Amino acid sequence: MPTYSYKREDGTTFDIQQKISESALEVCPTTGQKVKRIITGGGGVVYKGDGWYVTDYKDKKGTPSEPTTKTESTPKD
């Protein structure tokens, strides 16, 4: 269940957990003041694993990679 932040008329803020399907609050449940939902950056990124690898990103942007040449050898009799 996501946590939403609200700002009261007096400038104080509070957080409350609500279902996504619930409507935004219009009145503070504890003080009765009018409230407005505020947008926060609370949805952090979670990194798992050992870290970044060289293969995660292309080293050089916009430059073509070196062509690979295949040499064929003919068997000698």
N, C-alpha and C. Protein backbone atom coordinates (compact mmCIF):
# COMPACT_ATOMS: atom_id res chain seq x y z
N MET A 1 0.85 -1.16 0.00
CA MET A 1 0.00 0.00 0.00
C MET A 1 0.90 1.23 0.00
N PRO A 2 0.69 2.18 -0.93
CA PRO A 2 1.55 3.36 -1.00
C PRO A 2 1.29 4.34 0.14
N THR A 3 2.32 5.12 0.43
CA THR A 3 2.24 6.16 1.45
C THR A 3 2.14 7.51 0.74
N TYR A 4 1.14 8.30 1.12
CA TYR A 4 0.95 9.63 0.53
C TYR A 4 1.25 10.70 1.56
N SER A 5 1.80 11.82 1.10
CA SER A 5 2.08 12.95 1.97
C SER A 5 1.04 14.03 1.73
N TYR A 6 0.60 14.64 2.81
CA TYR A 6 -0.39 15.72 2.75
C TYR A 6 0.13 16.92 3.51
N LYS A 7 -0.30 18.11 3.06
CA LYS A 7 0.06 19.36 3.72
C LYS A 7 -1.21 20.00 4.26
N ARG A 8 -1.19 20.33 5.56
CA ARG A 8 -2.34 20.99 6.20
C ARG A 8 -2.32 22.48 5.90
N GLU A 9 -3.43 23.15 6.23
CA GLU A 9 -3.54 24.61 6.03
C GLU A 9 -2.47 25.36 6.81
N ASP A 10 -2.08 24.86 7.98
CA ASP A 10 -1.10 25.58 8.79
C ASP A 10 0.34 25.31 8.33
N GLY A 11 0.53 24.52 7.25
CA GLY A 11 1.86 24.27 6.69
C GLY A 11 2.52 22.98 7.16
N THR A 12 1.96 22.34 8.17
CA THR A 12 2.54 21.09 8.64
C THR A 12 2.16 19.96 7.69
N THR A 13 2.95 18.91 7.70
CA THR A 13 2.70 17.78 6.80
C THR A 13 2.55 16.50 7.60
N PHE A 14 1.91 15.52 6.96
CA PHE A 14 1.80 14.19 7.55
C PHE A 14 1.73 13.17 6.42
N ASP A 15 2.07 11.94 6.74
CA ASP A 15 2.02 10.84 5.78
C ASP A 15 0.95 9.85 6.22
N ILE A 16 0.31 9.25 5.23
CA ILE A 16 -0.72 8.26 5.54
C ILE A 16 -0.71 7.20 4.44
N GLN A 17 -0.91 5.95 4.84
CA GLN A 17 -1.00 4.87 3.87
C GLN A 17 -2.44 4.75 3.40
N GLN A 18 -2.59 4.70 2.07
CA GLN A 18 -3.92 4.57 1.47
C GLN A 18 -3.83 3.62 0.29
N LYS A 19 -4.94 3.01 -0.04
CA LYS A 19 -5.01 2.20 -1.25
C LYS A 19 -4.96 3.13 -2.45
N ILE A 20 -4.45 2.63 -3.55
CA ILE A 20 -4.38 3.43 -4.77
C ILE A 20 -5.79 3.81 -5.23
N SER A 21 -6.75 2.94 -5.00
CA SER A 21 -8.11 3.19 -5.45
C SER A 21 -8.85 4.22 -4.58
N GLU A 22 -8.32 4.56 -3.40
CA GLU A 22 -8.97 5.54 -2.53
C GLU A 22 -8.79 6.95 -3.06
N SER A 23 -9.75 7.80 -2.81
CA SER A 23 -9.66 9.21 -3.21
C SER A 23 -8.71 9.94 -2.27
N ALA A 24 -8.16 11.05 -2.77
CA ALA A 24 -7.28 11.86 -1.94
C ALA A 24 -8.07 12.47 -0.79
N LEU A 25 -7.41 12.61 0.37
CA LEU A 25 -8.08 13.22 1.52
C LEU A 25 -8.34 14.70 1.26
N GLU A 26 -9.39 15.22 1.82
CA GLU A 26 -9.69 16.64 1.74
C GLU A 26 -9.55 17.30 3.10
N VAL A 27 -9.66 16.48 4.17
CA VAL A 27 -9.60 16.98 5.54
C VAL A 27 -8.66 16.08 6.33
N CYS A 28 -7.84 16.68 7.19
CA CYS A 28 -6.93 15.92 8.05
C CYS A 28 -7.74 15.09 9.04
N PRO A 29 -7.44 13.79 9.15
CA PRO A 29 -8.21 12.95 10.06
C PRO A 29 -7.97 13.27 11.54
N THR A 30 -6.88 13.94 11.89
CA THR A 30 -6.60 14.24 13.30
C THR A 30 -6.98 15.66 13.69
N THR A 31 -6.78 16.64 12.79
CA THR A 31 -7.02 18.04 13.17
C THR A 31 -8.27 18.64 12.52
N GLY A 32 -8.75 18.05 11.44
CA GLY A 32 -9.92 18.58 10.75
C GLY A 32 -9.60 19.72 9.79
N GLN A 33 -8.32 20.05 9.63
CA GLN A 33 -7.93 21.12 8.69
C GLN A 33 -8.01 20.61 7.26
N LYS A 34 -8.20 21.54 6.33
CA LYS A 34 -8.17 21.18 4.92
C LYS A 34 -6.75 20.78 4.56
N VAL A 35 -6.63 19.77 3.69
CA VAL A 35 -5.32 19.28 3.28
C VAL A 35 -5.23 19.18 1.77
N LYS A 36 -3.98 19.14 1.31
CA LYS A 36 -3.70 18.99 -0.11
C LYS A 36 -2.61 17.94 -0.25
N ARG A 37 -2.81 16.98 -1.14
CA ARG A 37 -1.79 15.95 -1.37
C ARG A 37 -0.59 16.58 -2.06
N ILE A 38 0.60 16.25 -1.59
CA ILE A 38 1.82 16.78 -2.21
C ILE A 38 2.59 15.63 -2.85
N ILE A 39 3.30 15.97 -3.89
CA ILE A 39 4.09 14.98 -4.61
C ILE A 39 5.48 14.93 -3.99
N THR A 40 5.93 13.73 -3.68
CA THR A 40 7.26 13.55 -3.10
C THR A 40 8.05 12.57 -3.95
N GLY A 41 9.33 12.52 -3.73
CA GLY A 41 10.20 11.59 -4.45
C GLY A 41 10.42 10.32 -3.66
N GLY A 42 9.39 9.81 -3.03
CA GLY A 42 9.53 8.68 -2.13
C GLY A 42 9.65 7.32 -2.78
N GLY A 43 9.58 7.22 -4.08
CA GLY A 43 9.66 5.92 -4.73
C GLY A 43 11.07 5.58 -5.10
N GLY A 44 11.90 5.27 -4.15
CA GLY A 44 13.33 5.04 -4.38
C GLY A 44 13.61 3.86 -5.30
N VAL A 45 14.82 3.83 -5.81
CA VAL A 45 15.27 2.77 -6.68
C VAL A 45 16.03 1.75 -5.84
N VAL A 46 15.76 0.50 -6.06
CA VAL A 46 16.44 -0.56 -5.33
C VAL A 46 17.39 -1.27 -6.28
N TYR A 47 18.68 -1.27 -5.93
CA TYR A 47 19.67 -1.98 -6.73
C TYR A 47 20.01 -3.28 -6.03
N LYS A 48 19.98 -4.36 -6.78
CA LYS A 48 20.32 -5.67 -6.23
C LYS A 48 21.47 -6.25 -7.03
N GLY A 49 22.26 -7.05 -6.39
CA GLY A 49 23.35 -7.71 -7.10
C GLY A 49 24.70 -7.16 -6.68
N ASP A 50 25.72 -7.55 -7.42
CA ASP A 50 27.09 -7.19 -7.09
C ASP A 50 27.51 -5.82 -7.62
N GLY A 51 26.76 -5.25 -8.53
CA GLY A 51 27.14 -3.94 -9.06
C GLY A 51 27.00 -3.87 -10.56
N TRP A 52 27.68 -2.89 -11.14
CA TRP A 52 27.62 -2.67 -12.58
C TRP A 52 28.74 -3.44 -13.27
N TYR A 53 28.46 -3.80 -14.49
CA TYR A 53 29.43 -4.54 -15.27
C TYR A 53 29.76 -3.76 -16.52
N VAL A 54 30.90 -4.06 -17.11
CA VAL A 54 31.32 -3.38 -18.34
C VAL A 54 30.30 -3.59 -19.43
N THR A 55 29.64 -4.72 -19.43
CA THR A 55 28.68 -5.02 -20.50
C THR A 55 27.32 -4.37 -20.29
N ASP A 56 27.11 -3.68 -19.17
CA ASP A 56 25.81 -3.05 -18.92
C ASP A 56 25.55 -1.89 -19.87
N TYR A 57 26.57 -1.17 -20.26
CA TYR A 57 26.41 -0.02 -21.14
C TYR A 57 27.45 -0.07 -22.25
N LYS A 58 27.08 0.50 -23.37
CA LYS A 58 27.99 0.58 -24.49
C LYS A 58 29.09 1.57 -24.15
N ASP A 59 30.35 1.22 -24.44
CA ASP A 59 31.48 2.09 -24.10
C ASP A 59 31.49 3.39 -24.91
N LYS A 60 31.37 3.27 -26.20
CA LYS A 60 31.47 4.45 -27.07
C LYS A 60 30.14 4.65 -27.78
N LYS A 61 29.55 5.81 -27.59
CA LYS A 61 28.28 6.09 -28.25
C LYS A 61 28.52 6.60 -29.67
N GLY A 62 27.76 6.09 -30.60
CA GLY A 62 27.78 6.61 -31.96
C GLY A 62 28.94 6.14 -32.81
N THR A 63 29.88 5.41 -32.27
CA THR A 63 30.99 4.94 -33.09
C THR A 63 30.79 3.46 -33.39
N PRO A 64 30.96 3.10 -34.63
CA PRO A 64 30.75 1.70 -34.97
C PRO A 64 31.85 0.83 -34.35
N SER A 65 31.49 -0.37 -34.04
CA SER A 65 32.49 -1.27 -33.47
C SER A 65 33.42 -1.75 -34.57
N GLU A 66 34.59 -2.21 -34.17
CA GLU A 66 35.55 -2.69 -35.16
C GLU A 66 35.00 -3.93 -35.84
N PRO A 67 35.17 -3.99 -37.17
CA PRO A 67 34.64 -5.15 -37.88
C PRO A 67 35.44 -6.40 -37.52
N THR A 68 34.74 -7.47 -37.44
CA THR A 68 35.42 -8.74 -37.19
C THR A 68 35.66 -9.42 -38.51
N THR A 69 36.85 -9.92 -38.70
CA THR A 69 37.17 -10.60 -39.95
C THR A 69 37.33 -12.08 -39.67
N LYS A 70 36.78 -12.83 -40.54
CA LYS A 70 36.87 -14.27 -40.40
C LYS A 70 37.85 -14.77 -41.44
N THR A 71 38.89 -15.43 -40.97
CA THR A 71 39.87 -15.97 -41.92
C THR A 71 39.62 -17.46 -42.09
N GLU A 72 39.64 -17.85 -43.31
CA GLU A 72 39.43 -19.26 -43.60
C GLU A 72 40.78 -19.89 -43.92
N SER A 73 40.99 -21.01 -43.36
CA SER A 73 42.23 -21.72 -43.67
C SER A 73 41.92 -22.94 -44.53
N THR A 74 42.77 -23.15 -45.49
CA THR A 74 42.55 -24.31 -46.35
C THR A 74 43.49 -25.42 -45.89
N PRO A 75 42.98 -26.62 -45.80
CA PRO A 75 43.85 -27.72 -45.36
C PRO A 75 44.94 -27.99 -46.38
N LYS A 76 46.15 -28.21 -45.89
CA LYS A 76 47.27 -28.51 -46.78
C LYS A 76 47.47 -30.02 -46.84
N ASP A 77 47.63 -30.50 -48.08
CA ASP A 77 47.81 -31.94 -48.27
C ASP A 77 49.25 -32.31 -48.34
